[in-house]
Amino acid sequence: MKGKVVAMSAIVAVLGIISAVAGFVAEATKVKLSEVRIEQFSCVYPSSPALGLGILAAIFALITRIVLLVLVGCCCCCRPRGSTSTPVSTVFNILSWYVNKQLIIKNLEHNIII
């Protein structure tokens, strides 16, 4: 049992680190204002891997959350009645999914619109 917990923790940690590194690299490679050229009446942006890396970071964050949910067991649908799941953990689980969804939407809006 102890080895299984260590392996699960390592998998989640690796996925989280990949997500964080991809997010940091995306932020570092985004287009700077000084790199934008103005030609006639339009702006010309150089190519940048920032959007792809940001989407990759979001996908790995989502995969990490799903793996955690599967390994630990979700709040109420997979556990039998009377299990150790408390209403507080259920609220935090739902809140974390909502915040995650909002952050992904804001990230995509920022990268696509701006």
PDB file of N, CA and C in Angstrom:
ATOM      1  N   MET A   1       0.823  -1.202   0.000  1.00  0.00           N
ATOM      2  CA  MET A   1       0.000   0.000   0.000  1.00  0.00           C
ATOM      3  C   MET A   1       0.861   1.257   0.000  1.00  0.00           C
ATOM      4  N   LYS A   2       1.943   1.211   0.783  1.00  0.00           N
ATOM      5  CA  LYS A   2       2.807   2.387   0.875  1.00  0.00           C
ATOM      6  C   LYS A   2       3.488   2.686  -0.461  1.00  0.00           C
ATOM      7  N   GLY A   3       3.907   1.640  -1.167  1.00  0.00           N
ATOM      8  CA  GLY A   3       4.546   1.819  -2.469  1.00  0.00           C
ATOM      9  C   GLY A   3       3.578   2.382  -3.492  1.00  0.00           C
ATOM     10  N   LYS A   4       2.311   1.973  -3.399  1.00  0.00           N
ATOM     11  CA  LYS A   4       1.293   2.478  -4.307  1.00  0.00           C
ATOM     12  C   LYS A   4       1.052   3.971  -4.093  1.00  0.00           C
ATOM     13  N   VAL A   5       1.042   4.386  -2.837  1.00  0.00           N
ATOM     14  CA  VAL A   5       0.844   5.807  -2.527  1.00  0.00           C
ATOM     15  C   VAL A   5       2.020   6.630  -3.047  1.00  0.00           C
ATOM     16  N   VAL A   6       3.232   6.110  -2.879  1.00  0.00           N
ATOM     17  CA  VAL A   6       4.421   6.817  -3.371  1.00  0.00           C
ATOM     18  C   VAL A   6       4.386   6.924  -4.894  1.00  0.00           C
ATOM     19  N   ALA A   7       3.989   5.843  -5.571  1.00  0.00           N
ATOM     20  CA  ALA A   7       3.926   5.867  -7.039  1.00  0.00           C
ATOM     21  C   ALA A   7       2.871   6.851  -7.519  1.00  0.00           C
ATOM     22  N   MET A   8       1.701   6.856  -6.873  1.00  0.00           N
ATOM     23  CA  MET A   8       0.643   7.803  -7.256  1.00  0.00           C
ATOM     24  C   MET A   8       1.098   9.242  -7.035  1.00  0.00           C
ATOM     25  N   SER A   9       1.741   9.482  -5.909  1.00  0.00           N
ATOM     26  CA  SER A   9       2.231  10.827  -5.620  1.00  0.00           C
ATOM     27  C   SER A   9       3.277  11.267  -6.625  1.00  0.00           C
ATOM     28  N   ALA A  10       4.137  10.350  -7.032  1.00  0.00           N
ATOM     29  CA  ALA A  10       5.171  10.678  -8.019  1.00  0.00           C
ATOM     30  C   ALA A  10       4.553  11.008  -9.371  1.00  0.00           C
ATOM     31  N   ILE A  11       3.542  10.239  -9.772  1.00  0.00           N
ATOM     32  CA  ILE A  11       2.875  10.505 -11.059  1.00  0.00           C
ATOM     33  C   ILE A  11       2.232  11.887 -11.043  1.00  0.00           C
ATOM     34  N   VAL A  12       1.516  12.187  -9.980  1.00  0.00           N
ATOM     35  CA  VAL A  12       0.847  13.487  -9.885  1.00  0.00           C
ATOM     36  C   VAL A  12       1.873  14.615  -9.828  1.00  0.00           C
ATOM     37  N   ALA A  13       2.970  14.405  -9.090  1.00  0.00           N
ATOM     38  CA  ALA A  13       4.006  15.434  -8.996  1.00  0.00           C
ATOM     39  C   ALA A  13       4.645  15.706 -10.354  1.00  0.00           C
ATOM     40  N   VAL A  14       4.951  14.652 -11.107  1.00  0.00           N
ATOM     41  CA  VAL A  14       5.569  14.822 -12.435  1.00  0.00           C
ATOM     42  C   VAL A  14       4.624  15.569 -13.373  1.00  0.00           C
ATOM     43  N   LEU A  15       3.343  15.182 -13.383  1.00  0.00           N
ATOM     44  CA  LEU A  15       2.380  15.878 -14.237  1.00  0.00           C
ATOM     45  C   LEU A  15       2.242  17.348 -13.837  1.00  0.00           C
ATOM     46  N   GLY A  16       2.231  17.621 -12.544  1.00  0.00           N
ATOM     47  CA  GLY A  16       2.145  18.998 -12.073  1.00  0.00           C
ATOM     48  C   GLY A  16       3.369  19.815 -12.444  1.00  0.00           C
ATOM     49  N   ILE A  17       4.535  19.206 -12.341  1.00  0.00           N
ATOM     50  CA  ILE A  17       5.773  19.914 -12.700  1.00  0.00           C
ATOM     51  C   ILE A  17       5.803  20.205 -14.195  1.00  0.00           C
ATOM     52  N   ILE A  18       5.378  19.243 -15.012  1.00  0.00           N
ATOM     53  CA  ILE A  18       5.318  19.474 -16.465  1.00  0.00           C
ATOM     54  C   ILE A  18       4.388  20.636 -16.776  1.00  0.00           C
ATOM     55  N   SER A  19       3.237  20.657 -16.113  1.00  0.00           N
ATOM     56  CA  SER A  19       2.276  21.740 -16.322  1.00  0.00           C
ATOM     57  C   SER A  19       2.868  23.095 -15.925  1.00  0.00           C
ATOM     58  N   ALA A  20       3.517  23.139 -14.769  1.00  0.00           N
ATOM     59  CA  ALA A  20       4.098  24.397 -14.295  1.00  0.00           C
ATOM     60  C   ALA A  20       5.219  24.880 -15.214  1.00  0.00           C
ATOM     61  N   VAL A  21       6.094  23.979 -15.629  1.00  0.00           N
ATOM     62  CA  VAL A  21       7.206  24.361 -16.507  1.00  0.00           C
ATOM     63  C   VAL A  21       6.682  24.867 -17.849  1.00  0.00           C
ATOM     64  N   ALA A  22       5.688  24.175 -18.402  1.00  0.00           N
ATOM     65  CA  ALA A  22       5.120  24.631 -19.677  1.00  0.00           C
ATOM     66  C   ALA A  22       4.478  26.007 -19.524  1.00  0.00           C
ATOM     67  N   GLY A  23       3.815  26.258 -18.402  1.00  0.00           N
ATOM     68  CA  GLY A  23       3.224  27.574 -18.153  1.00  0.00           C
ATOM     69  C   GLY A  23       4.276  28.664 -18.024  1.00  0.00           C
ATOM     70  N   PHE A  24       5.348  28.386 -17.295  1.00  0.00           N
ATOM     71  CA  PHE A  24       6.417  29.379 -17.135  1.00  0.00           C
ATOM     72  C   PHE A  24       7.120  29.669 -18.457  1.00  0.00           C
ATOM     73  N   VAL A  25       7.363  28.630 -19.244  1.00  0.00           N
ATOM     74  CA  VAL A  25       8.014  28.823 -20.545  1.00  0.00           C
ATOM     75  C   VAL A  25       7.085  29.604 -21.475  1.00  0.00           C
ATOM     76  N   ALA A  26       5.791  29.320 -21.411  1.00  0.00           N
ATOM     77  CA  ALA A  26       4.832  30.066 -22.233  1.00  0.00           C
ATOM     78  C   ALA A  26       4.858  31.548 -21.865  1.00  0.00           C
ATOM     79  N   GLU A  27       4.915  31.835 -20.596  1.00  0.00           N
ATOM     80  CA  GLU A  27       4.958  33.232 -20.160  1.00  0.00           C
ATOM     81  C   GLU A  27       6.248  33.904 -20.609  1.00  0.00           C
ATOM     82  N   ALA A  28       7.347  33.174 -20.570  1.00  0.00           N
ATOM     83  CA  ALA A  28       8.639  33.747 -20.958  1.00  0.00           C
ATOM     84  C   ALA A  28       8.751  33.974 -22.466  1.00  0.00           C
ATOM     85  N   THR A  29       8.022  33.183 -23.266  1.00  0.00           N
ATOM     86  CA  THR A  29       8.146  33.293 -24.725  1.00  0.00           C
ATOM     87  C   THR A  29       7.039  34.110 -25.373  1.00  0.00           C
ATOM     88  N   LYS A  30       6.177  34.711 -24.576  1.00  0.00           N
ATOM     89  CA  LYS A  30       5.096  35.489 -25.199  1.00  0.00           C
ATOM     90  C   LYS A  30       5.664  36.712 -25.907  1.00  0.00           C
ATOM     91  N   VAL A  31       4.926  37.212 -26.847  1.00  0.00           N
ATOM     92  CA  VAL A  31       5.372  38.332 -27.674  1.00  0.00           C
ATOM     93  C   VAL A  31       5.400  39.608 -26.828  1.00  0.00           C
ATOM     94  N   LYS A  32       6.515  40.309 -26.891  1.00  0.00           N
ATOM     95  CA  LYS A  32       6.662  41.588 -26.180  1.00  0.00           C
ATOM     96  C   LYS A  32       6.167  42.714 -27.073  1.00  0.00           C
ATOM     97  N   LEU A  33       5.803  43.813 -26.469  1.00  0.00           N
ATOM     98  CA  LEU A  33       5.312  44.966 -27.217  1.00  0.00           C
ATOM     99  C   LEU A  33       6.371  45.486 -28.184  1.00  0.00           C
ATOM    100  N   SER A  34       7.636  45.415 -27.780  1.00  0.00           N
ATOM    101  CA  SER A  34       8.709  45.916 -28.637  1.00  0.00           C
ATOM    102  C   SER A  34       8.913  45.049 -29.890  1.00  0.00           C
ATOM    103  N   GLU A  35       8.384  43.828 -29.909  1.00  0.00           N
ATOM    104  CA  GLU A  35       8.543  42.934 -31.051  1.00  0.00           C
ATOM    105  C   GLU A  35       7.436  43.101 -32.096  1.00  0.00           C
ATOM    106  N   VAL A  36       6.390  43.851 -31.761  1.00  0.00           N
ATOM    107  CA  VAL A  36       5.268  44.050 -32.681  1.00  0.00           C
ATOM    108  C   VAL A  36       5.621  45.171 -33.651  1.00  0.00           C
ATOM    109  N   ARG A  37       5.420  44.906 -34.952  1.00  0.00           N
ATOM    110  CA  ARG A  37       5.686  45.913 -35.983  1.00  0.00           C
ATOM    111  C   ARG A  37       4.359  46.449 -36.504  1.00  0.00           C
ATOM    112  N   ILE A  38       4.372  47.710 -36.868  1.00  0.00           N
ATOM    113  CA  ILE A  38       3.183  48.319 -37.468  1.00  0.00           C
ATOM    114  C   ILE A  38       3.492  48.568 -38.935  1.00  0.00           C
ATOM    115  N   GLU A  39       2.706  47.949 -39.794  1.00  0.00           N
ATOM    116  CA  GLU A  39       2.853  48.120 -41.242  1.00  0.00           C
ATOM    117  C   GLU A  39       1.543  48.660 -41.792  1.00  0.00           C
ATOM    118  N   GLN A  40       1.602  49.829 -42.329  1.00  0.00           N
ATOM    119  CA  GLN A  40       0.448  50.560 -42.854  1.00  0.00           C
ATOM    120  C   GLN A  40      -0.601  50.694 -41.752  1.00  0.00           C
ATOM    121  N   PHE A  41      -1.705  49.989 -41.838  1.00  0.00           N
ATOM    122  CA  PHE A  41      -2.759  50.135 -40.834  1.00  0.00           C
ATOM    123  C   PHE A  41      -3.010  48.852 -40.051  1.00  0.00           C
ATOM    124  N   SER A  42      -2.003  47.996 -39.954  1.00  0.00           N
ATOM    125  CA  SER A  42      -2.185  46.750 -39.207  1.00  0.00           C
ATOM    126  C   SER A  42      -0.931  46.427 -38.405  1.00  0.00           C
ATOM    127  N   CYS A  43      -1.117  45.628 -37.383  1.00  0.00           N
ATOM    128  CA  CYS A  43      -0.006  45.190 -36.540  1.00  0.00           C
ATOM    129  C   CYS A  43       0.456  43.814 -37.013  1.00  0.00           C
ATOM    130  N   VAL A  44       1.753  43.608 -37.027  1.00  0.00           N
ATOM    131  CA  VAL A  44       2.329  42.336 -37.429  1.00  0.00           C
ATOM    132  C   VAL A  44       3.018  41.736 -36.208  1.00  0.00           C
ATOM    133  N   TYR A  45       2.509  40.595 -35.782  1.00  0.00           N
ATOM    134  CA  TYR A  45       3.062  39.907 -34.612  1.00  0.00           C
ATOM    135  C   TYR A  45       3.993  38.797 -35.075  1.00  0.00           C
ATOM    136  N   PRO A  46       5.166  38.663 -34.448  1.00  0.00           N
ATOM    137  CA  PRO A  46       6.039  37.540 -34.791  1.00  0.00           C
ATOM    138  C   PRO A  46       5.455  36.237 -34.239  1.00  0.00           C
ATOM    139  N   SER A  47       5.851  35.125 -34.820  1.00  0.00           N
ATOM    140  CA  SER A  47       5.346  33.844 -34.319  1.00  0.00           C
ATOM    141  C   SER A  47       5.954  33.567 -32.940  1.00  0.00           C
ATOM    142  N   SER A  48       5.152  32.926 -32.103  1.00  0.00           N
ATOM    143  CA  SER A  48       5.585  32.623 -30.749  1.00  0.00           C
ATOM    144  C   SER A  48       4.939  31.311 -30.310  1.00  0.00           C
ATOM    145  N   PRO A  49       5.679  30.485 -29.599  1.00  0.00           N
ATOM    146  CA  PRO A  49       5.104  29.221 -29.113  1.00  0.00           C
ATOM    147  C   PRO A  49       4.288  29.383 -27.835  1.00  0.00           C
ATOM    148  N   ALA A  50       4.036  30.607 -27.412  1.00  0.00           N
ATOM    149  CA  ALA A  50       3.388  30.844 -26.120  1.00  0.00           C
ATOM    150  C   ALA A  50       1.986  30.248 -26.049  1.00  0.00           C
ATOM    151  N   LEU A  51       1.184  30.416 -27.081  1.00  0.00           N
ATOM    152  CA  LEU A  51      -0.181  29.891 -27.042  1.00  0.00           C
ATOM    153  C   LEU A  51      -0.181  28.373 -26.955  1.00  0.00           C
ATOM    154  N   GLY A  52       0.633  27.729 -27.763  1.00  0.00           N
ATOM    155  CA  GLY A  52       0.709  26.269 -27.722  1.00  0.00           C
ATOM    156  C   GLY A  52       1.191  25.751 -26.375  1.00  0.00           C
ATOM    157  N   LEU A  53       2.195  26.425 -25.814  1.00  0.00           N
ATOM    158  CA  LEU A  53       2.700  26.013 -24.503  1.00  0.00           C
ATOM    159  C   LEU A  53       1.667  26.262 -23.406  1.00  0.00           C
ATOM    160  N   GLY A  54       0.920  27.356 -23.522  1.00  0.00           N
ATOM    161  CA  GLY A  54      -0.128  27.633 -22.538  1.00  0.00           C
ATOM    162  C   GLY A  54      -1.228  26.589 -22.600  1.00  0.00           C
ATOM    163  N   ILE A  55      -1.610  26.197 -23.806  1.00  0.00           N
ATOM    164  CA  ILE A  55      -2.622  25.148 -23.953  1.00  0.00           C
ATOM    165  C   ILE A  55      -2.080  23.815 -23.431  1.00  0.00           C
ATOM    166  N   LEU A  56      -0.818  23.516 -23.706  1.00  0.00           N
ATOM    167  CA  LEU A  56      -0.195  22.300 -23.189  1.00  0.00           C
ATOM    168  C   LEU A  56      -0.195  22.298 -21.659  1.00  0.00           C
ATOM    169  N   ALA A  57       0.123  23.441 -21.056  1.00  0.00           N
ATOM    170  CA  ALA A  57       0.111  23.535 -19.597  1.00  0.00           C
ATOM    171  C   ALA A  57      -1.293  23.303 -19.049  1.00  0.00           C
ATOM    172  N   ALA A  58      -2.298  23.871 -19.699  1.00  0.00           N
ATOM    173  CA  ALA A  58      -3.679  23.678 -19.251  1.00  0.00           C
ATOM    174  C   ALA A  58      -4.099  22.221 -19.395  1.00  0.00           C
ATOM    175  N   ILE A  59      -3.691  21.571 -20.474  1.00  0.00           N
ATOM    176  CA  ILE A  59      -4.048  20.161 -20.676  1.00  0.00           C
ATOM    177  C   ILE A  59      -3.399  19.287 -19.608  1.00  0.00           C
ATOM    178  N   PHE A  60      -2.120  19.535 -19.312  1.00  0.00           N
ATOM    179  CA  PHE A  60      -1.456  18.744 -18.280  1.00  0.00           C
ATOM    180  C   PHE A  60      -2.059  19.012 -16.900  1.00  0.00           C
ATOM    181  N   ALA A  61      -2.470  20.252 -16.637  1.00  0.00           N
ATOM    182  CA  ALA A  61      -3.137  20.543 -15.367  1.00  0.00           C
ATOM    183  C   ALA A  61      -4.457  19.790 -15.268  1.00  0.00           C
ATOM    184  N   LEU A  62      -5.195  19.738 -16.371  1.00  0.00           N
ATOM    185  CA  LEU A  62      -6.463  19.006 -16.389  1.00  0.00           C
ATOM    186  C   LEU A  62      -6.221  17.501 -16.229  1.00  0.00           C
ATOM    187  N   ILE A  63      -5.213  16.973 -16.895  1.00  0.00           N
ATOM    188  CA  ILE A  63      -4.886  15.548 -16.752  1.00  0.00           C
ATOM    189  C   ILE A  63      -4.492  15.242 -15.309  1.00  0.00           C
ATOM    190  N   THR A  64      -3.732  16.134 -14.691  1.00  0.00           N
ATOM    191  CA  THR A  64      -3.340  15.948 -13.295  1.00  0.00           C
ATOM    192  C   THR A  64      -4.560  15.886 -12.400  1.00  0.00           C
ATOM    193  N   ARG A  65      -5.514  16.788 -12.614  1.00  0.00           N
ATOM    194  CA  ARG A  65      -6.727  16.797 -11.797  1.00  0.00           C
ATOM    195  C   ARG A  65      -7.539  15.519 -12.006  1.00  0.00           C
ATOM    196  N   ILE A  66      -7.634  15.060 -13.247  1.00  0.00           N
ATOM    197  CA  ILE A  66      -8.394  13.845 -13.527  1.00  0.00           C
ATOM    198  C   ILE A  66      -7.719  12.628 -12.897  1.00  0.00           C
ATOM    199  N   VAL A  67      -6.388  12.545 -13.005  1.00  0.00           N
ATOM    200  CA  VAL A  67      -5.662  11.429 -12.396  1.00  0.00           C
ATOM    201  C   VAL A  67      -5.869  11.440 -10.884  1.00  0.00           C
ATOM    202  N   LEU A  68      -5.777  12.610 -10.271  1.00  0.00           N
ATOM    203  CA  LEU A  68      -6.017  12.701  -8.830  1.00  0.00           C
ATOM    204  C   LEU A  68      -7.430  12.264  -8.481  1.00  0.00           C
ATOM    205  N   LEU A  69      -8.378  12.698  -9.259  1.00  0.00           N
ATOM    206  CA  LEU A  69      -9.768  12.347  -9.004  1.00  0.00           C
ATOM    207  C   LEU A  69      -9.983  10.842  -9.118  1.00  0.00           C
ATOM    208  N   VAL A  70      -9.379  10.215 -10.102  1.00  0.00           N
ATOM    209  CA  VAL A  70      -9.534   8.777 -10.288  1.00  0.00           C
ATOM    210  C   VAL A  70      -8.805   8.006  -9.185  1.00  0.00           C
ATOM    211  N   LEU A  71      -7.603   8.438  -8.842  1.00  0.00           N
ATOM    212  CA  LEU A  71      -6.822   7.720  -7.842  1.00  0.00           C
ATOM    213  C   LEU A  71      -7.398   7.861  -6.433  1.00  0.00           C
ATOM    214  N   VAL A  72      -7.849   9.045  -6.091  1.00  0.00           N
ATOM    215  CA  VAL A  72      -8.350   9.289  -4.745  1.00  0.00           C
ATOM    216  C   VAL A  72      -9.821   8.921  -4.636  1.00  0.00           C
ATOM    217  N   GLY A  73     -10.546   9.056  -5.706  1.00  0.00           N
ATOM    218  CA  GLY A  73     -11.982   8.810  -5.689  1.00  0.00           C
ATOM    219  C   GLY A  73     -12.694  10.145  -5.665  1.00  0.00           C
ATOM    220  N   CYS A  74     -13.701  10.266  -6.490  1.00  0.00           N
ATOM    221  CA  CYS A  74     -14.380  11.550  -6.576  1.00  0.00           C
ATOM    222  C   CYS A  74     -15.235  11.792  -5.350  1.00  0.00           C
ATOM    223  N   CYS A  75     -15.842  12.956  -5.297  1.00  0.00           N
ATOM    224  CA  CYS A  75     -16.494  13.410  -4.076  1.00  0.00           C
ATOM    225  C   CYS A  75     -17.675  12.546  -3.648  1.00  0.00           C
ATOM    226  N   CYS A  76     -18.513  12.117  -4.573  1.00  0.00           N
ATOM    227  CA  CYS A  76     -19.694  11.391  -4.114  1.00  0.00           C
ATOM    228  C   CYS A  76     -20.136  10.272  -5.047  1.00  0.00           C
ATOM    229  N   CYS A  77     -19.846  10.355  -6.325  1.00  0.00           N
ATOM    230  CA  CYS A  77     -20.423   9.383  -7.262  1.00  0.00           C
ATOM    231  C   CYS A  77     -19.730   8.031  -7.219  1.00  0.00           C
ATOM    232  N   CYS A  78     -18.460   7.970  -6.828  1.00  0.00           N
ATOM    233  CA  CYS A  78     -17.725   6.707  -6.865  1.00  0.00           C
ATOM    234  C   CYS A  78     -17.600   6.062  -5.489  1.00  0.00           C
ATOM    235  N   ARG A  79     -17.962   6.764  -4.462  1.00  0.00           N
ATOM    236  CA  ARG A  79     -17.805   6.231  -3.114  1.00  0.00           C
ATOM    237  C   ARG A  79     -19.124   5.695  -2.590  1.00  0.00           C
ATOM    238  N   PRO A  80     -19.055   4.654  -1.791  1.00  0.00           N
ATOM    239  CA  PRO A  80     -20.292   4.140  -1.201  1.00  0.00           C
ATOM    240  C   PRO A  80     -20.808   5.097  -0.126  1.00  0.00           C
ATOM    241  N   ARG A  81     -22.071   4.974   0.184  1.00  0.00           N
ATOM    242  CA  ARG A  81     -22.659   5.819   1.227  1.00  0.00           C
ATOM    243  C   ARG A  81     -21.956   5.558   2.555  1.00  0.00           C
ATOM    244  N   GLY A  82     -21.804   6.619   3.320  1.00  0.00           N
ATOM    245  CA  GLY A  82     -21.162   6.482   4.621  1.00  0.00           C
ATOM    246  C   GLY A  82     -19.655   6.489   4.565  1.00  0.00           C
ATOM    247  N   SER A  83     -19.075   6.872   3.431  1.00  0.00           N
ATOM    248  CA  SER A  83     -17.615   6.900   3.331  1.00  0.00           C
ATOM    249  C   SER A  83     -17.081   8.149   4.022  1.00  0.00           C
ATOM    250  N   THR A  84     -15.786   8.326   3.960  1.00  0.00           N
ATOM    251  CA  THR A  84     -15.144   9.404   4.693  1.00  0.00           C
ATOM    252  C   THR A  84     -15.249  10.758   4.001  1.00  0.00           C
ATOM    253  N   SER A  85     -15.879  10.830   2.838  1.00  0.00           N
ATOM    254  CA  SER A  85     -16.037  12.098   2.141  1.00  0.00           C
ATOM    255  C   SER A  85     -16.947  13.019   2.946  1.00  0.00           C
ATOM    256  N   THR A  86     -16.471  14.217   3.191  1.00  0.00           N
ATOM    257  CA  THR A  86     -17.250  15.162   3.986  1.00  0.00           C
ATOM    258  C   THR A  86     -17.838  16.220   3.082  1.00  0.00           C
ATOM    259  N   PRO A  87     -18.856  16.930   3.548  1.00  0.00           N
ATOM    260  CA  PRO A  87     -19.403  18.020   2.734  1.00  0.00           C
ATOM    261  C   PRO A  87     -18.373  19.104   2.419  1.00  0.00           C
ATOM    262  N   VAL A  88     -17.442  19.335   3.333  1.00  0.00           N
ATOM    263  CA  VAL A  88     -16.424  20.355   3.101  1.00  0.00           C
ATOM    264  C   VAL A  88     -15.521  19.950   1.938  1.00  0.00           C
ATOM    265  N   SER A  89     -15.118  18.679   1.891  1.00  0.00           N
ATOM    266  CA  SER A  89     -14.264  18.233   0.783  1.00  0.00           C
ATOM    267  C   SER A  89     -15.019  18.283  -0.540  1.00  0.00           C
ATOM    268  N   THR A  90     -16.310  18.006  -0.498  1.00  0.00           N
ATOM    269  CA  THR A  90     -17.129  18.087  -1.700  1.00  0.00           C
ATOM    270  C   THR A  90     -17.206  19.520  -2.204  1.00  0.00           C
ATOM    271  N   VAL A  91     -17.396  20.460  -1.291  1.00  0.00           N
ATOM    272  CA  VAL A  91     -17.453  21.881  -1.671  1.00  0.00           C
ATOM    273  C   VAL A  91     -16.121  22.327  -2.264  1.00  0.00           C
ATOM    274  N   PHE A  92     -15.011  21.948  -1.631  1.00  0.00           N
ATOM    275  CA  PHE A  92     -13.701  22.341  -2.148  1.00  0.00           C
ATOM    276  C   PHE A  92     -13.414  21.695  -3.503  1.00  0.00           C
ATOM    277  N   ASN A  93     -13.852  20.467  -3.706  1.00  0.00           N
ATOM    278  CA  ASN A  93     -13.657  19.798  -4.983  1.00  0.00           C
ATOM    279  C   ASN A  93     -14.414  20.532  -6.089  1.00  0.00           C
ATOM    280  N   ILE A  94     -15.668  20.846  -5.841  1.00  0.00           N
ATOM    281  CA  ILE A  94     -16.470  21.568  -6.834  1.00  0.00           C
ATOM    282  C   ILE A  94     -15.892  22.963  -7.075  1.00  0.00           C
ATOM    283  N   LEU A  95     -15.489  23.644  -6.017  1.00  0.00           N
ATOM    284  CA  LEU A  95     -14.909  24.985  -6.148  1.00  0.00           C
ATOM    285  C   LEU A  95     -13.610  24.950  -6.949  1.00  0.00           C
ATOM    286  N   SER A  96     -12.784  23.945  -6.728  1.00  0.00           N
ATOM    287  CA  SER A  96     -11.515  23.877  -7.459  1.00  0.00           C
ATOM    288  C   SER A  96     -11.749  23.621  -8.947  1.00  0.00           C
ATOM    289  N   TRP A  97     -12.734  22.797  -9.307  1.00  0.00           N
ATOM    290  CA  TRP A  97     -13.051  22.579 -10.721  1.00  0.00           C
ATOM    291  C   TRP A  97     -13.573  23.863 -11.355  1.00  0.00           C
ATOM    292  N   TYR A  98     -14.401  24.602 -10.622  1.00  0.00           N
ATOM    293  CA  TYR A  98     -14.938  25.857 -11.146  1.00  0.00           C
ATOM    294  C   TYR A  98     -13.817  26.868 -11.380  1.00  0.00           C
ATOM    295  N   VAL A  99     -12.926  27.021 -10.407  1.00  0.00           N
ATOM    296  CA  VAL A  99     -11.815  27.969 -10.546  1.00  0.00           C
ATOM    297  C   VAL A  99     -10.904  27.547 -11.691  1.00  0.00           C
ATOM    298  N   ASN A 100     -10.640  26.257 -11.810  1.00  0.00           N
ATOM    299  CA  ASN A 100      -9.801  25.760 -12.898  1.00  0.00           C
ATOM    300  C   ASN A 100     -10.422  26.095 -14.248  1.00  0.00           C
ATOM    301  N   LYS A 101     -11.728  25.882 -14.387  1.00  0.00           N
ATOM    302  CA  LYS A 101     -12.423  26.187 -15.647  1.00  0.00           C
ATOM    303  C   LYS A 101     -12.341  27.678 -15.956  1.00  0.00           C
ATOM    304  N   GLN A 102     -12.557  28.520 -14.951  1.00  0.00           N
ATOM    305  CA  GLN A 102     -12.498  29.962 -15.160  1.00  0.00           C
ATOM    306  C   GLN A 102     -11.101  30.413 -15.577  1.00  0.00           C
ATOM    307  N   LEU A 103     -10.071  29.847 -14.959  1.00  0.00           N
ATOM    308  CA  LEU A 103      -8.703  30.218 -15.320  1.00  0.00           C
ATOM    309  C   LEU A 103      -8.360  29.812 -16.747  1.00  0.00           C
ATOM    310  N   ILE A 104      -8.811  28.643 -17.166  1.00  0.00           N
ATOM    311  CA  ILE A 104      -8.545  28.207 -18.539  1.00  0.00           C
ATOM    312  C   ILE A 104      -9.258  29.119 -19.529  1.00  0.00           C
ATOM    313  N   ILE A 105     -10.506  29.474 -19.233  1.00  0.00           N
ATOM    314  CA  ILE A 105     -11.258  30.367 -20.126  1.00  0.00           C
ATOM    315  C   ILE A 105     -10.578  31.728 -20.212  1.00  0.00           C
ATOM    316  N   LYS A 106     -10.172  32.286 -19.079  1.00  0.00           N
ATOM    317  CA  LYS A 106      -9.502  33.592 -19.089  1.00  0.00           C
ATOM    318  C   LYS A 106      -8.171  33.523 -19.825  1.00  0.00           C
ATOM    319  N   ASN A 107      -7.442  32.430 -19.650  1.00  0.00           N
ATOM    320  CA  ASN A 107      -6.161  32.274 -20.347  1.00  0.00           C
ATOM    321  C   ASN A 107      -6.381  32.232 -21.856  1.00  0.00           C
ATOM    322  N   LEU A 108      -7.367  31.468 -22.304  1.00  0.00           N
ATOM    323  CA  LEU A 108      -7.637  31.404 -23.745  1.00  0.00           C
ATOM    324  C   LEU A 108      -8.129  32.747 -24.284  1.00  0.00           C
ATOM    325  N   GLU A 109      -8.978  33.437 -23.541  1.00  0.00           N
ATOM    326  CA  GLU A 109      -9.436  34.750 -23.979  1.00  0.00           C
ATOM    327  C   GLU A 109      -8.268  35.721 -24.112  1.00  0.00           C
ATOM    328  N   HIS A 110      -7.384  35.705 -23.140  1.00  0.00           N
ATOM    329  CA  HIS A 110      -6.246  36.615 -23.160  1.00  0.00           C
ATOM    330  C   HIS A 110      -5.308  36.310 -24.322  1.00  0.00           C
ATOM    331  N   ASN A 111      -5.051  35.031 -24.566  1.00  0.00           N
ATOM    332  CA  ASN A 111      -4.120  34.674 -25.630  1.00  0.00           C
ATOM    333  C   ASN A 111      -4.711  34.824 -27.026  1.00  0.00           C
ATOM    334  N   ILE A 112      -6.013  34.681 -27.161  1.00  0.00           N
ATOM    335  CA  ILE A 112      -6.608  34.761 -28.477  1.00  0.00           C
ATOM    336  C   ILE A 112      -7.004  36.194 -28.832  1.00  0.00           C
ATOM    337  N   ILE A 113      -7.550  36.922 -27.874  1.00  0.00           N
ATOM    338  CA  ILE A 113      -8.046  38.271 -28.157  1.00  0.00           C
ATOM    339  C   ILE A 113      -6.916  39.296 -28.147  1.00  0.00           C
ATOM    340  N   ILE A 114      -6.037  39.212 -27.182  1.00  0.00           N
ATOM    341  CA  ILE A 114      -5.010  40.244 -27.049  1.00  0.00           C
ATOM    342  C   ILE A 114      -3.784  39.873 -27.842  1.00  0.00           C
TER     343      ILE A 114
END
